[in-house]
Structures are given as structure tokens and as C-alpha cells.
Amino acid sequence: MFENNRESQFEQEKVRKLLEAKIEDQYQFAISKNKITHTDFLKESETILAEHFLQQKKFQPYLFFGGNGNYSERQILLFFPKKFSKEMVLKNLDKMVSALQIQLPKDLTYEHRIYLSAILKLGINREKVGDILVRENGADIVVLNEIADFLNTHLPQLTRFKSASCEIIPIGKVEPKEREFADLSLIVSSMRLDNLVAELAKCSRTKAVEIMKEQKVLLNDKIEVKFSKKINCGDRITIRGKGKFIVKEIERQTKSGRLIINIQKLIG
């Protein structure tokens, strides 16, 4: 277990340093070329790391943008010359980011994972795609402009989307969508991470430990391999291939001492 923890910490440190190097490159390019530059889309955990690094290095000016208002999960980081105001940068966002609007036939709906799977199947890097806003009979997919035409051309060629209509729309026309959650009720013997992973992934505790060893479980956006880790209310658990979950509260304890806990699963 000690080895697994050390490997996990090493990988996280490696990811952090790589992210910082990319950010510094973009910043220096913006300064040297006197123009607006931006990163690919950053995950929430990367945005937190980026914010800390930016404050540490005192890089200015910059802003984060995701296209889904205050609900954006993935955002690009933009650097721009001091002669530009943030308002001027926001007016130029259409040159960098747009959205692919998909309309499915009546009575057909897809989950978030279906859209993401299709995008990855086309060979597109996840970092080029922002939030996927699933709506009734369709979705708005926030993307960097560099892949917008490719996605618009090739997505309708996939079997699942042959009957769908697709068009590229300006990022300003995307209607923000608040995240949606489904309530789940779990019964566990304790608040150990392996217990919750087993219930959420619908597998045995032995299998849950295997999943964690494969670094497929994130706790509060960081890989966690310590299966005995105690979970608290408010913690976020991500199980790759199974979804994202938030531990809301312990509802009550049964007569046998087991805990009934309320979990929210991200569904959109």
C-alpha cells in the first residue's frame, strides 16, 4: 500500500509540473507576441492548481472561461496583453471557442457518456472539449474552434448520430445549464472509501480495492489508493467509467449499526 501511495503521489506531482510548464509557456508566448493566448480545457482540479500557480508566479492579466456561465466544469485559461480589458477579451472569445449543437430525433435521448464516447472514438483529445451540456433531445458541446469543423463533419457519420442534426453555434448563444444530480441512498458498514466504491460501482469490496489500485478512483479530484480512507460529508468521489458522486449526509444508523447515507450522482 505504501508503494501505491508513493506512486500515486509521484504521478500527481508529475501532472502538476507538466501543467505548470504549459501555463508558463502560454503566458510567455502572450507576453512575447503581445496577443491573446489560451490553454486547452482544464478540469476543475487543474483549474485549482492553475489558480495557485498563477498567484504564486504573479502572472497578470488572465481569466478562466468555460462557456457554461458559473456552472462551467471545464475551462480554458486565457492570457492577454495589459492593453486589453477583460471585456475586450470576452468579445473575442468567438475566435477561440464555439459549440456544436446537436438535435436528436424526437423521443431519442443520450446520456453524457454517449456523447463523450463518440467524441473520443473520433480520436479527439478530451482536452479540446469543454462541458457537454445534455438537454432534452440533444446537447451543446463546448469545443475549441480548431476541432469544431472536424467534429461537425464526422460526428454525424457515426451510427448513433446518423439521424441527428448538427451545427456550430457561437459560444455566446449557448444557454448556461446548471448541473443535475440524482439522489441515491446507500447502506454501508462504515464510511471507508472501499465500502462506498463497492456500493457505487455495484461490485465486491475486493473488486473495489482492485479498481482503486488501478488508479480509477478520485477523491476530491485527486487519485486515492488508500482503501481505508475515511469519507466525510461533502467529499466528491469519481469512479472512472461509473460517474461522479457527492456524499451529502448520513441519514441514520440502522439497529445493526450500518449507515444509510445520501449520495448525489452527477447526471448532466
Protein backbone atom coordinates (compact mmCIF):
# COMPACT_ATOMS: atom_id res chain seq x y z
CA MET A 1 0.00 0.00 0.00
CA PHE A 2 2.92 2.33 0.78
CA GLU A 3 4.26 1.76 -2.73
CA ASN A 4 0.87 2.51 -4.24
CA ASN A 5 0.61 5.76 -2.29
CA ARG A 6 4.10 6.78 -3.33
CA GLU A 7 3.37 6.02 -7.00
CA SER A 8 0.11 7.99 -6.78
CA GLN A 9 1.86 11.00 -5.24
CA PHE A 10 4.60 10.80 -7.87
CA GLU A 11 2.04 10.78 -10.69
CA GLN A 12 0.15 13.73 -9.21
CA GLU A 13 3.38 15.70 -8.83
CA LYS A 14 4.27 14.88 -12.43
CA VAL A 15 0.86 16.11 -13.63
CA ARG A 16 1.21 19.31 -11.60
CA LYS A 17 4.64 20.14 -13.00
CA LEU A 18 3.52 19.43 -16.57
CA LEU A 19 0.50 21.70 -16.11
CA GLU A 20 2.65 24.49 -14.68
CA ALA A 21 5.07 24.22 -17.60
CA LYS A 22 2.20 24.52 -20.11
CA ILE A 23 0.79 27.54 -18.30
CA GLU A 24 4.15 29.28 -18.20
CA ASP A 25 4.67 28.64 -21.93
CA GLN A 26 1.30 30.21 -22.75
CA TYR A 27 1.99 33.20 -20.54
CA GLN A 28 5.43 33.84 -22.04
CA PHE A 29 4.00 33.48 -25.56
CA ALA A 30 1.28 36.06 -24.78
CA ILE A 31 3.90 38.48 -23.46
CA SER A 32 6.42 38.00 -26.27
CA LYS A 33 3.84 38.11 -29.10
CA ASN A 34 1.62 40.73 -27.45
CA LYS A 35 -1.52 38.72 -28.23
CA ILE A 36 -4.25 36.66 -26.58
CA THR A 37 -3.31 33.03 -25.92
CA HIS A 38 -5.09 30.21 -24.17
CA THR A 39 -4.64 26.69 -22.86
CA ASP A 40 -6.74 23.67 -23.71
CA PHE A 41 -9.69 22.96 -21.42
CA LEU A 42 -8.68 22.33 -17.82
CA LYS A 43 -10.51 20.05 -15.40
CA GLU A 44 -11.73 21.51 -12.10
CA SER A 45 -8.76 20.03 -10.24
CA GLU A 46 -6.39 21.54 -12.82
CA THR A 47 -8.09 24.92 -12.54
CA ILE A 48 -7.44 24.90 -8.80
CA LEU A 49 -3.77 24.02 -9.35
CA ALA A 50 -3.50 26.66 -12.07
CA GLU A 51 -5.02 29.37 -9.85
CA HIS A 52 -2.50 28.61 -7.11
CA PHE A 53 0.41 28.66 -9.58
CA LEU A 54 -0.73 31.95 -11.14
CA GLN A 55 -0.91 33.65 -7.76
CA GLN A 56 2.47 32.23 -6.81
CA LYS A 57 4.10 33.50 -10.03
CA LYS A 58 2.06 36.74 -10.05
CA PHE A 59 1.13 36.27 -13.72
CA GLN A 60 -1.27 39.02 -14.88
CA PRO A 61 -3.66 39.54 -16.55
CA TYR A 62 -5.60 36.30 -17.09
CA LEU A 63 -9.09 34.86 -16.91
CA PHE A 64 -10.81 31.48 -16.97
CA PHE A 65 -13.70 30.76 -19.35
CA GLY A 66 -15.83 27.67 -19.85
CA GLY A 67 -18.88 28.70 -21.86
CA ASN A 68 -21.41 27.49 -19.29
CA GLY A 69 -21.56 30.56 -17.11
CA ASN A 70 -20.93 29.96 -13.41
CA TYR A 71 -21.60 26.25 -13.87
CA SER A 72 -18.60 25.52 -16.09
CA GLU A 73 -16.76 22.37 -15.09
CA ARG A 74 -14.01 22.63 -17.69
CA GLN A 75 -12.42 25.97 -18.57
CA ILE A 76 -9.67 27.39 -20.72
CA LEU A 77 -7.14 29.77 -19.20
CA LEU A 78 -6.54 32.93 -21.23
CA PHE A 79 -3.61 35.35 -21.06
CA PHE A 80 -3.76 38.71 -22.78
CA PRO A 81 -1.75 41.94 -23.09
CA LYS A 82 -2.40 44.60 -20.46
CA LYS A 83 -3.70 46.95 -23.18
CA PHE A 84 -6.76 44.65 -23.41
CA SER A 85 -9.55 44.76 -20.86
CA LYS A 86 -11.35 41.57 -19.82
CA GLU A 87 -14.42 42.88 -21.63
CA MET A 88 -12.41 43.11 -24.87
CA VAL A 89 -11.15 39.57 -24.42
CA LEU A 90 -14.68 38.26 -23.82
CA LYS A 91 -15.80 39.89 -27.08
CA ASN A 92 -13.08 37.93 -28.92
CA LEU A 93 -14.00 34.54 -27.50
CA ASP A 94 -15.87 33.51 -30.66
CA LYS A 95 -12.49 33.37 -32.38
CA MET A 96 -11.33 30.71 -29.92
CA VAL A 97 -14.33 28.77 -28.63
CA SER A 98 -17.66 27.69 -30.10
CA ALA A 99 -20.24 24.97 -29.52
CA LEU A 100 -21.55 22.07 -31.56
CA GLN A 101 -25.32 21.97 -31.13
CA ILE A 102 -26.80 18.51 -31.64
CA GLN A 103 -30.50 17.89 -32.14
CA LEU A 104 -31.64 14.26 -31.88
CA PRO A 105 -34.81 12.84 -33.43
CA LYS A 106 -37.96 13.06 -31.33
CA ASP A 107 -38.13 10.64 -28.36
CA LEU A 108 -34.39 9.89 -28.53
CA THR A 109 -32.13 10.92 -25.65
CA TYR A 110 -28.50 10.18 -24.85
CA GLU A 111 -26.57 10.44 -21.61
CA HIS A 112 -23.39 12.49 -21.22
CA ARG A 113 -21.20 9.39 -21.57
CA ILE A 114 -22.62 8.59 -25.02
CA TYR A 115 -21.60 11.99 -26.40
CA LEU A 116 -18.17 11.79 -24.80
CA SER A 117 -17.59 8.25 -26.03
CA ALA A 118 -18.44 9.31 -29.59
CA ILE A 119 -16.04 12.25 -29.43
CA LEU A 120 -13.18 10.10 -28.16
CA LYS A 121 -13.96 7.48 -30.80
CA LEU A 122 -13.21 10.12 -33.43
CA GLY A 123 -9.71 10.47 -31.99
CA ILE A 124 -10.29 13.90 -30.47
CA ASN A 125 -8.30 14.69 -27.32
CA ARG A 126 -10.51 15.27 -24.29
CA GLU A 127 -8.63 18.49 -23.56
CA LYS A 128 -10.01 20.06 -26.76
CA VAL A 129 -13.59 19.66 -25.50
CA GLY A 130 -15.22 21.59 -22.68
CA ASP A 131 -18.54 20.92 -20.98
CA ILE A 132 -21.11 18.71 -22.67
CA LEU A 133 -24.48 20.25 -21.83
CA VAL A 134 -27.04 17.49 -22.25
CA ARG A 135 -30.51 18.76 -22.99
CA GLU A 136 -33.83 17.22 -23.99
CA ASN A 137 -33.30 15.54 -27.39
CA GLY A 138 -29.78 16.86 -27.81
CA ALA A 139 -26.75 18.61 -26.39
CA ASP A 140 -24.47 21.61 -26.73
CA ILE A 141 -20.81 20.57 -26.80
CA VAL A 142 -18.34 23.35 -26.00
CA VAL A 143 -15.18 22.98 -28.10
CA LEU A 144 -12.08 24.81 -29.23
CA ASN A 145 -12.58 26.23 -32.72
CA GLU A 146 -9.66 24.17 -34.04
CA ILE A 147 -11.76 20.97 -33.84
CA ALA A 148 -15.26 22.40 -34.40
CA ASP A 149 -15.43 21.76 -38.17
CA PHE A 150 -13.95 18.27 -37.82
CA LEU A 151 -16.46 17.31 -35.14
CA ASN A 152 -19.35 18.81 -37.10
CA THR A 153 -18.36 16.79 -40.18
CA HIS A 154 -17.54 13.44 -38.61
CA LEU A 155 -19.90 13.06 -35.65
CA PRO A 156 -22.99 12.64 -37.91
CA GLN A 157 -21.14 9.80 -39.66
CA LEU A 158 -21.24 7.67 -36.51
CA THR A 159 -24.13 5.22 -36.29
CA ARG A 160 -25.69 6.76 -33.16
CA PHE A 161 -25.80 10.22 -34.76
CA LYS A 162 -26.72 9.49 -38.39
CA SER A 163 -30.23 10.83 -37.83
CA ALA A 164 -29.12 13.81 -35.74
CA SER A 165 -28.74 17.37 -36.98
CA CYS A 166 -25.56 19.24 -36.05
CA GLU A 167 -24.48 22.84 -36.39
CA ILE A 168 -21.76 25.06 -34.99
CA ILE A 169 -23.09 27.98 -32.97
CA PRO A 170 -21.30 31.00 -31.41
CA ILE A 171 -20.32 30.40 -27.81
CA GLY A 172 -22.40 33.40 -26.79
CA LYS A 173 -25.57 31.61 -27.89
CA VAL A 174 -25.06 28.69 -25.51
CA GLU A 175 -27.66 28.76 -22.76
CA PRO A 176 -25.99 28.01 -19.39
CA LYS A 177 -27.17 24.80 -17.76
CA GLU A 178 -26.93 24.04 -14.07
CA ARG A 179 -25.56 20.63 -13.19
CA GLU A 180 -28.16 17.96 -12.49
CA PHE A 181 -27.89 15.32 -9.80
CA ALA A 182 -29.82 12.18 -8.94
CA ASP A 183 -30.28 11.21 -5.29
CA LEU A 184 -29.05 7.79 -4.22
CA SER A 185 -29.39 6.04 -0.87
CA LEU A 186 -26.65 3.60 0.13
CA ILE A 187 -26.30 1.27 3.10
CA VAL A 188 -22.69 0.73 4.20
CA SER A 189 -20.97 -0.78 7.21
CA SER A 190 -18.65 2.22 7.59
CA MET A 191 -17.54 5.41 5.83
CA ARG A 192 -14.40 3.78 4.43
CA LEU A 193 -13.73 4.59 0.79
CA ASP A 194 -13.68 0.94 -0.34
CA ASN A 195 -17.17 0.42 1.11
CA LEU A 196 -18.58 3.35 -0.84
CA VAL A 197 -16.76 2.44 -4.06
CA ALA A 198 -18.13 -1.11 -3.84
CA GLU A 199 -21.69 0.16 -3.47
CA LEU A 200 -21.40 2.87 -6.12
CA ALA A 201 -19.69 0.57 -8.65
CA LYS A 202 -22.01 -2.33 -7.69
CA CYS A 203 -19.15 -4.72 -7.05
CA SER A 204 -17.46 -6.59 -4.19
CA ARG A 205 -15.07 -4.86 -1.82
CA THR A 206 -12.25 -6.94 -3.27
CA LYS A 207 -13.07 -5.64 -6.74
CA ALA A 208 -13.38 -2.10 -5.35
CA VAL A 209 -9.83 -2.32 -3.98
CA GLU A 210 -8.64 -3.52 -7.41
CA ILE A 211 -10.31 -0.53 -9.06
CA MET A 212 -8.55 1.79 -6.62
CA LYS A 213 -5.18 0.12 -7.22
CA GLU A 214 -5.71 0.76 -10.94
CA GLN A 215 -5.98 4.48 -10.02
CA LYS A 216 -9.55 4.73 -11.30
CA VAL A 217 -10.89 6.37 -8.14
CA LEU A 218 -10.51 10.07 -7.36
CA LEU A 219 -11.34 11.64 -4.03
CA ASN A 220 -11.90 15.40 -4.23
CA ASP A 221 -10.30 15.37 -7.72
CA LYS A 222 -7.13 13.54 -6.63
CA ILE A 223 -6.29 9.88 -7.22
CA GLU A 224 -6.80 7.92 -4.00
CA VAL A 225 -5.50 4.36 -3.47
CA LYS A 226 -5.86 4.10 0.31
CA PHE A 227 -8.93 1.88 0.55
CA SER A 228 -9.40 2.51 4.30
CA LYS A 229 -9.62 6.29 3.77
CA LYS A 230 -12.45 7.77 5.85
CA ILE A 231 -15.02 9.69 3.82
CA ASN A 232 -16.74 12.81 5.12
CA CYS A 233 -19.92 14.59 4.10
CA GLY A 234 -19.17 16.94 1.21
CA ASP A 235 -16.46 14.73 -0.27
CA ARG A 236 -16.52 14.12 -4.02
CA ILE A 237 -15.86 10.63 -5.36
CA THR A 238 -15.16 9.95 -9.04
CA ILE A 239 -15.03 6.37 -10.32
CA ARG A 240 -13.82 6.26 -13.89
CA GLY A 241 -16.43 4.58 -16.05
CA LYS A 242 -19.08 4.82 -13.33
CA GLY A 243 -19.58 8.53 -12.69
CA LYS A 244 -19.13 11.38 -10.22
CA PHE A 245 -20.72 11.40 -6.78
CA ILE A 246 -21.06 13.78 -3.82
CA VAL A 247 -21.54 12.45 -0.28
CA LYS A 248 -24.33 14.62 1.11
CA GLU A 249 -25.22 13.29 4.54
CA ILE A 250 -25.55 10.32 6.86
CA GLU A 251 -29.31 9.93 7.13
CA ARG A 252 -29.37 7.49 10.01
CA GLN A 253 -27.90 4.38 11.57
CA THR A 254 -29.73 1.07 11.46
CA LYS A 255 -30.26 -1.15 14.52
CA SER A 256 -27.47 -3.37 13.26
CA GLY A 257 -25.07 -0.40 13.18
CA ARG A 258 -24.97 0.06 9.41
CA LEU A 259 -25.13 3.57 7.96
CA ILE A 260 -27.69 4.87 5.50
CA ILE A 261 -26.09 7.71 3.52
CA ASN A 262 -27.42 10.11 0.91
CA ILE A 263 -25.34 10.41 -2.27
CA GLN A 264 -25.83 12.67 -5.26
CA LYS A 265 -24.74 11.37 -8.67
CA LEU A 266 -23.93 13.86 -11.42
CA ILE A 267 -26.16 13.08 -14.40
CA GLY A 268 -25.79 16.19 -16.55
